[in-house]
Protein backbone atom coordinates (compact mmCIF):
# COMPACT_ATOMS: atom_id res chain seq x y z
CA MET A 1 100.10 -46.82 -118.59
CA ASN A 2 98.85 -43.80 -121.01
CA ASN A 3 98.96 -46.82 -123.34
CA THR A 4 96.61 -49.42 -121.42
CA LEU A 5 93.76 -46.36 -121.25
CA LEU A 6 91.66 -44.74 -124.47
CA SER A 7 91.83 -41.37 -124.61
CA ASN A 8 88.49 -39.21 -125.11
CA GLN A 9 88.04 -38.74 -128.40
CA GLU A 10 88.59 -43.12 -128.67
CA VAL A 11 85.41 -43.28 -125.95
CA THR A 12 83.73 -40.56 -128.03
CA LEU A 13 84.39 -42.49 -131.66
CA VAL A 14 84.22 -46.07 -130.74
CA ALA A 15 80.08 -44.39 -128.80
CA PHE A 16 79.09 -43.40 -132.35
CA LEU A 17 79.29 -46.12 -133.77
CA CYS A 18 78.06 -48.46 -131.24
CA LEU A 19 75.45 -45.52 -131.80
CA ILE A 20 75.80 -46.11 -135.91
CA ALA A 21 74.94 -49.53 -135.40
CA ILE A 22 72.43 -49.39 -133.27
CA ILE A 23 71.23 -47.37 -135.59
CA GLN A 24 71.44 -49.07 -139.07
CA LEU A 25 69.96 -52.35 -136.36
CA ILE A 26 66.78 -50.51 -135.85
CA PHE A 27 67.07 -49.13 -139.50
CA PHE A 28 66.76 -53.43 -140.96
CA ILE A 29 64.59 -54.50 -138.48
CA ARG A 30 61.89 -51.82 -139.12
CA SER A 31 62.04 -52.48 -143.03
CA TYR A 32 61.81 -56.20 -142.53
CA LYS A 33 57.55 -57.19 -143.56
CA LYS A 34 56.58 -60.42 -143.25
CA PRO A 35 53.09 -60.88 -144.32
CA THR A 36 50.46 -63.75 -141.30
CA PRO A 37 49.21 -66.91 -143.78
CA VAL A 38 45.04 -65.27 -144.51
CA LYS A 39 47.36 -61.13 -145.74
CA ALA A 40 49.26 -60.03 -148.82
CA LEU A 41 51.94 -57.83 -148.60
CA ILE A 42 52.29 -55.74 -151.39
CA VAL A 43 56.13 -53.30 -151.74
CA HIS A 44 55.07 -50.20 -154.06
CA GLY A 45 57.32 -47.94 -155.01
CA LYS A 46 60.55 -48.30 -156.78
CA VAL A 47 59.83 -52.09 -156.77
CA ASP A 48 61.55 -52.78 -160.34
CA PRO A 49 65.13 -51.14 -161.92
CA GLN A 50 63.59 -50.85 -165.61
CA ASN A 51 59.97 -49.04 -163.90
CA LYS A 52 58.31 -52.32 -165.42
CA VAL A 53 56.27 -53.00 -161.94
CA LEU A 54 54.48 -51.02 -160.12
CA PHE A 55 54.09 -53.57 -157.69
CA LYS A 56 55.38 -56.45 -155.51
CA THR A 57 52.65 -59.72 -153.65
CA TYR A 58 54.42 -61.22 -151.63
CA ARG A 59 52.46 -64.50 -150.79
CA ARG A 60 54.65 -66.00 -146.78
CA LYS A 61 57.55 -64.63 -147.75
CA PRO A 62 59.22 -61.55 -145.99
CA ALA A 63 61.12 -58.69 -147.41
CA PHE A 64 62.40 -55.62 -146.77
CA VAL A 65 60.84 -52.74 -147.55
CA TRP A 66 63.29 -49.17 -148.30
CA PRO A 67 61.73 -46.14 -147.11
CA ILE A 68 61.20 -43.51 -148.73
CA ILE A 69 61.93 -44.82 -152.14
CA GLN A 70 58.71 -47.94 -151.06
CA ASP A 71 55.76 -47.69 -149.51
CA PHE A 72 54.15 -51.25 -148.03
CA TYR A 73 50.66 -52.54 -147.16
CA PHE A 74 48.89 -55.73 -146.29
CA LEU A 75 45.66 -56.79 -148.67
CA ASP A 76 43.90 -58.80 -146.96
CA LEU A 77 42.94 -62.28 -148.25
CA ASP A 78 41.13 -63.76 -146.06
CA ASP A 79 36.58 -63.71 -145.62
CA TYR A 80 34.87 -61.04 -146.83
CA GLU A 81 31.42 -60.89 -145.71
CA LEU A 82 29.13 -60.50 -148.33
CA SER A 83 25.79 -60.09 -145.94
CA GLN A 84 23.15 -57.49 -146.30
CA LYS A 85 19.14 -57.20 -146.12
CA LEU A 86 17.25 -55.18 -148.74
CA ASP A 87 13.56 -53.53 -148.73
CA THR A 88 12.45 -53.24 -152.40
CA ILE A 89 9.63 -53.47 -154.23
CA ASP A 90 9.25 -54.83 -157.13
CA ALA A 91 7.56 -54.37 -160.73
CA ASN A 92 4.51 -55.29 -159.93
CA GLY A 93 4.88 -53.02 -157.15
CA ASN A 94 4.90 -55.32 -154.46
CA SER A 95 7.01 -54.88 -150.66
CA ILE A 96 10.01 -57.69 -150.58
CA THR A 97 12.72 -58.36 -148.62
CA ILE A 98 15.96 -60.46 -150.00
CA GLU A 99 18.34 -61.71 -147.46
CA ILE A 100 21.88 -62.23 -148.53
CA ASN A 101 24.84 -64.89 -146.84
CA CYS A 102 28.04 -65.06 -147.82
CA LEU A 103 31.79 -65.05 -148.06
CA ALA A 104 34.12 -63.95 -150.92
CA ARG A 105 37.94 -63.90 -151.11
CA PRO A 106 40.35 -62.62 -153.93
CA ASN A 107 40.98 -64.24 -156.11
CA GLN A 108 44.47 -65.88 -155.31
CA ASN A 109 44.89 -66.47 -159.56
CA ASN A 110 44.36 -63.24 -160.25
CA LEU A 111 45.15 -61.58 -157.34
CA ASP A 112 47.79 -58.39 -159.45
CA GLN A 113 44.57 -57.59 -160.60
CA VAL A 114 42.75 -57.46 -156.38
CA ILE A 115 45.13 -55.32 -155.97
CA GLU A 116 45.44 -53.06 -158.73
CA GLN A 117 41.22 -52.71 -158.47
CA PHE A 118 41.37 -51.56 -154.93
CA PHE A 119 45.16 -50.41 -154.43
CA GLU A 120 45.99 -49.25 -150.56
CA LYS A 121 41.54 -50.61 -149.79
CA PRO A 122 40.95 -51.04 -146.57
CA LYS A 123 38.46 -54.68 -146.65
CA THR A 124 35.67 -52.29 -144.41
CA GLN A 125 35.14 -50.52 -147.73
CA ILE A 126 35.92 -53.09 -149.74
CA GLU A 127 32.79 -55.08 -148.78
CA GLY A 128 31.34 -51.87 -148.88
CA TYR A 129 32.04 -51.58 -152.95
CA LEU A 130 31.18 -55.25 -153.62
CA ARG A 131 27.79 -54.74 -150.81
CA LYS A 132 26.68 -51.84 -152.65
CA THR A 133 27.69 -53.44 -156.51
CA ILE A 134 25.47 -56.84 -155.68
CA GLU A 135 22.50 -54.57 -154.82
CA MET A 136 23.15 -52.63 -157.50
CA GLU A 137 22.33 -55.64 -159.44
CA ILE A 138 19.68 -57.52 -157.30
CA ARG A 139 17.57 -53.70 -157.34
CA ASN A 140 18.14 -54.36 -161.85
CA ILE A 141 17.33 -57.76 -161.55
CA ILE A 142 13.66 -56.68 -160.36
CA SER A 143 12.69 -53.49 -161.45
CA ASN A 144 13.71 -55.35 -164.96
CA ASN A 145 11.47 -59.01 -165.14
CA LYS A 146 7.53 -59.32 -163.81
CA ALA A 147 7.61 -62.39 -165.52
CA GLU A 148 10.43 -63.87 -164.31
CA LEU A 149 9.79 -63.17 -161.39
CA GLN A 150 5.87 -64.40 -160.25
CA SER A 151 7.97 -67.77 -158.87
CA ARG A 152 10.70 -66.80 -155.41
CA ASP A 153 13.05 -70.38 -157.11
CA ASN A 154 13.21 -68.22 -159.93
CA LEU A 155 14.30 -65.38 -158.75
CA THR A 156 16.78 -66.79 -156.06
CA SER A 157 18.41 -68.40 -158.64
CA GLU A 158 18.70 -65.37 -160.74
CA ILE A 159 19.51 -63.51 -157.72
CA LYS A 160 22.43 -65.93 -156.81
CA ASN A 161 23.54 -65.58 -160.64
CA LYS A 162 23.52 -61.89 -160.13
CA ILE A 163 25.83 -62.44 -157.39
CA ASN A 164 28.34 -64.71 -158.81
CA SER A 165 28.83 -62.96 -161.42
CA THR A 166 29.25 -59.34 -159.66
CA ILE A 167 32.18 -60.65 -157.62
CA GLU A 168 33.60 -63.51 -160.14
CA SER A 169 33.97 -59.28 -161.58
CA ASN A 170 35.34 -58.09 -159.62
CA ASN A 171 38.72 -60.45 -158.84
CA PHE A 172 37.14 -62.37 -155.72
CA ILE A 173 35.16 -66.07 -155.64
CA LEU A 174 32.30 -67.59 -153.66
CA TYR A 175 34.33 -69.33 -150.45
CA GLY A 176 31.27 -71.64 -149.27
CA ASN A 177 27.35 -71.66 -149.69
CA CYS A 178 25.66 -68.27 -150.76
CA TYR A 179 22.47 -67.90 -149.16
CA VAL A 180 19.47 -65.97 -151.07
CA ARG A 181 15.96 -65.61 -148.73
CA ILE A 182 13.01 -63.50 -149.60
CA SER A 183 10.15 -62.70 -148.64
CA HIS A 184 6.96 -60.04 -149.48
């Protein structure tokens, strides 16, 4: 009868081993990260034995993120809304309102540059940066040009071109049409 029952020490050892197994299981479950189709998983920290790479990007495939030596965040790859309304005065002293409605997405071909530029920034902060950059460029167009801006079509075309070049210089691409409406 003594051979079939476990002693208190054996029961404690089995319970301890079960606890260790459960903790390891929880550890692996919590370390497993999978991005959604509209997000990229960015793992940074110790991601390369030779330390040549600062981060790794995973799109649509999961990865294990090792606590303490690695960290992660998700970069939104979906639409960034760049709608805004600018009230300004042109070079001739006339009050004008410019309404812009654009959607942009990170350029998938230059995703590493997007990550470096906007590292760990939330989507709202990236949208705000892009809006302010576009606003600054539009105000420069309006304040520097007198003769060319007499035509509303010329102004609209120049603003659209500047929006496109600003978006591209920040490694984003316009998605769909960019609408610009000017009213005096």
